[in-house]
Amino acid sequence: MIRSMTGFGHGRATGDGATAAVELRSTNKRHLNIFVHLPDPMAEEESEVRSRMQEA
């Protein structure tokens, strides 16, 4: 019997000489960890990206 399930995803995009990366981890639909790594000029957008991903 399966008692625990873990999900993992990772994505990376490169454009205009900059790279953005996102990593998602979830355990049993209870804990969702979102790691967002954006270039320095976009660093203040990380919380907005994280919030939108949690809503989806």
N, C-alpha and C. Protein backbone atom coordinates (compact mmCIF):
# COMPACT_ATOMS: atom_id res chain seq x y z
N MET A 1 0.84 -1.18 0.00
CA MET A 1 0.00 0.00 0.00
C MET A 1 0.89 1.24 0.00
N ILE A 2 0.55 2.20 -0.84
CA ILE A 2 1.29 3.46 -0.88
C ILE A 2 0.80 4.36 0.26
N ARG A 3 1.71 4.84 1.07
CA ARG A 3 1.34 5.69 2.20
C ARG A 3 1.81 7.12 2.03
N SER A 4 2.72 7.33 1.14
CA SER A 4 3.25 8.67 0.95
C SER A 4 3.57 8.89 -0.52
N MET A 5 3.26 10.08 -0.99
CA MET A 5 3.57 10.42 -2.38
C MET A 5 4.28 11.77 -2.41
N THR A 6 5.29 11.84 -3.22
CA THR A 6 6.07 13.07 -3.37
C THR A 6 6.07 13.46 -4.83
N GLY A 7 5.87 14.75 -5.10
CA GLY A 7 5.95 15.27 -6.46
C GLY A 7 7.10 16.25 -6.56
N PHE A 8 7.73 16.28 -7.72
CA PHE A 8 8.87 17.16 -7.94
C PHE A 8 8.84 17.66 -9.37
N GLY A 9 9.14 18.93 -9.56
CA GLY A 9 9.25 19.49 -10.91
C GLY A 9 10.27 20.60 -10.92
N HIS A 10 10.92 20.77 -12.06
CA HIS A 10 11.95 21.79 -12.20
C HIS A 10 11.87 22.35 -13.61
N GLY A 11 11.95 23.66 -13.72
CA GLY A 11 11.94 24.30 -15.03
C GLY A 11 12.95 25.43 -15.08
N ARG A 12 13.48 25.66 -16.27
CA ARG A 12 14.48 26.70 -16.45
C ARG A 12 14.24 27.37 -17.80
N ALA A 13 14.35 28.67 -17.83
CA ALA A 13 14.20 29.42 -19.08
C ALA A 13 15.34 30.43 -19.19
N THR A 14 15.86 30.57 -20.39
CA THR A 14 16.95 31.51 -20.63
C THR A 14 16.55 32.44 -21.77
N GLY A 15 16.82 33.72 -21.57
CA GLY A 15 16.53 34.71 -22.60
C GLY A 15 17.22 36.01 -22.28
N ASP A 16 17.67 36.70 -23.30
CA ASP A 16 18.36 37.99 -23.13
C ASP A 16 19.53 37.89 -22.16
N GLY A 17 20.21 36.76 -22.17
CA GLY A 17 21.40 36.60 -21.33
C GLY A 17 21.11 36.33 -19.86
N ALA A 18 19.85 36.09 -19.51
CA ALA A 18 19.48 35.83 -18.11
C ALA A 18 18.77 34.49 -18.02
N THR A 19 18.86 33.86 -16.87
CA THR A 19 18.22 32.56 -16.65
C THR A 19 17.30 32.64 -15.43
N ALA A 20 16.09 32.11 -15.58
CA ALA A 20 15.14 32.01 -14.47
C ALA A 20 14.89 30.53 -14.23
N ALA A 21 14.80 30.13 -12.96
CA ALA A 21 14.57 28.72 -12.63
C ALA A 21 13.50 28.61 -11.54
N VAL A 22 12.69 27.57 -11.64
CA VAL A 22 11.65 27.29 -10.65
C VAL A 22 11.71 25.81 -10.30
N GLU A 23 11.58 25.52 -9.02
CA GLU A 23 11.56 24.14 -8.55
C GLU A 23 10.37 23.97 -7.62
N LEU A 24 9.61 22.91 -7.81
CA LEU A 24 8.43 22.62 -7.00
C LEU A 24 8.60 21.26 -6.33
N ARG A 25 8.18 21.18 -5.07
CA ARG A 25 8.17 19.90 -4.35
C ARG A 25 6.89 19.85 -3.52
N SER A 26 6.26 18.71 -3.53
CA SER A 26 5.04 18.54 -2.76
C SER A 26 5.03 17.16 -2.13
N THR A 27 4.51 17.08 -0.92
CA THR A 27 4.39 15.80 -0.22
C THR A 27 2.94 15.64 0.23
N ASN A 28 2.29 14.62 -0.26
CA ASN A 28 0.92 14.27 0.15
C ASN A 28 -0.06 15.44 0.03
N LYS A 29 0.12 16.31 -0.90
CA LYS A 29 -0.74 17.47 -1.13
C LYS A 29 -0.83 18.41 0.07
N ARG A 30 0.02 18.21 1.05
CA ARG A 30 -0.02 19.06 2.24
C ARG A 30 1.03 20.16 2.21
N HIS A 31 2.20 19.80 1.82
CA HIS A 31 3.31 20.74 1.84
C HIS A 31 3.74 21.03 0.41
N LEU A 32 3.70 22.29 0.04
CA LEU A 32 4.17 22.70 -1.28
C LEU A 32 5.33 23.66 -1.09
N ASN A 33 6.47 23.29 -1.57
CA ASN A 33 7.65 24.15 -1.51
C ASN A 33 7.93 24.66 -2.91
N ILE A 34 8.00 25.96 -3.05
CA ILE A 34 8.27 26.59 -4.34
C ILE A 34 9.54 27.41 -4.21
N PHE A 35 10.51 27.09 -5.04
CA PHE A 35 11.78 27.82 -5.05
C PHE A 35 11.88 28.55 -6.38
N VAL A 36 12.00 29.87 -6.33
CA VAL A 36 12.07 30.69 -7.54
C VAL A 36 13.41 31.41 -7.54
N HIS A 37 14.12 31.30 -8.64
CA HIS A 37 15.41 31.97 -8.78
C HIS A 37 15.35 32.82 -10.05
N LEU A 38 15.29 34.12 -9.86
CA LEU A 38 15.21 35.05 -10.99
C LEU A 38 16.49 35.89 -11.05
N PRO A 39 16.77 36.45 -12.22
CA PRO A 39 17.93 37.34 -12.34
C PRO A 39 17.78 38.54 -11.40
N ASP A 40 18.89 39.12 -10.99
CA ASP A 40 18.87 40.25 -10.05
C ASP A 40 17.90 41.36 -10.41
N PRO A 41 17.81 41.80 -11.67
CA PRO A 41 16.87 42.89 -11.98
C PRO A 41 15.40 42.51 -11.72
N MET A 42 15.11 41.23 -11.64
CA MET A 42 13.73 40.78 -11.43
C MET A 42 13.52 40.18 -10.03
N ALA A 43 14.50 40.27 -9.17
CA ALA A 43 14.45 39.62 -7.85
C ALA A 43 13.22 40.01 -7.04
N GLU A 44 12.77 41.24 -7.15
CA GLU A 44 11.62 41.66 -6.35
C GLU A 44 10.31 41.05 -6.84
N GLU A 45 10.32 40.38 -7.99
CA GLU A 45 9.12 39.71 -8.52
C GLU A 45 8.98 38.28 -8.00
N GLU A 46 9.97 37.77 -7.29
CA GLU A 46 9.95 36.37 -6.85
C GLU A 46 8.72 36.04 -6.01
N SER A 47 8.34 36.90 -5.09
CA SER A 47 7.18 36.62 -4.24
C SER A 47 5.89 36.59 -5.06
N GLU A 48 5.78 37.44 -6.06
CA GLU A 48 4.59 37.45 -6.93
C GLU A 48 4.51 36.16 -7.74
N VAL A 49 5.62 35.71 -8.27
CA VAL A 49 5.66 34.45 -9.03
C VAL A 49 5.27 33.29 -8.12
N ARG A 50 5.82 33.26 -6.93
CA ARG A 50 5.51 32.20 -5.96
C ARG A 50 4.02 32.20 -5.61
N SER A 51 3.45 33.36 -5.39
CA SER A 51 2.02 33.47 -5.04
C SER A 51 1.14 32.96 -6.17
N ARG A 52 1.46 33.34 -7.39
CA ARG A 52 0.65 32.89 -8.54
C ARG A 52 0.74 31.38 -8.74
N MET A 53 1.89 30.82 -8.47
CA MET A 53 2.04 29.38 -8.61
C MET A 53 1.25 28.63 -7.54
N GLN A 54 1.16 29.18 -6.34
CA GLN A 54 0.39 28.53 -5.28
C GLN A 54 -1.10 28.55 -5.61
N GLU A 55 -1.56 29.59 -6.30
CA GLU A 55 -2.97 29.70 -6.66
C GLU A 55 -3.36 28.72 -7.76
N ALA A 56 -2.41 28.35 -8.61
CA ALA A 56 -2.73 27.49 -9.77
C ALA A 56 -3.05 26.08 -9.38
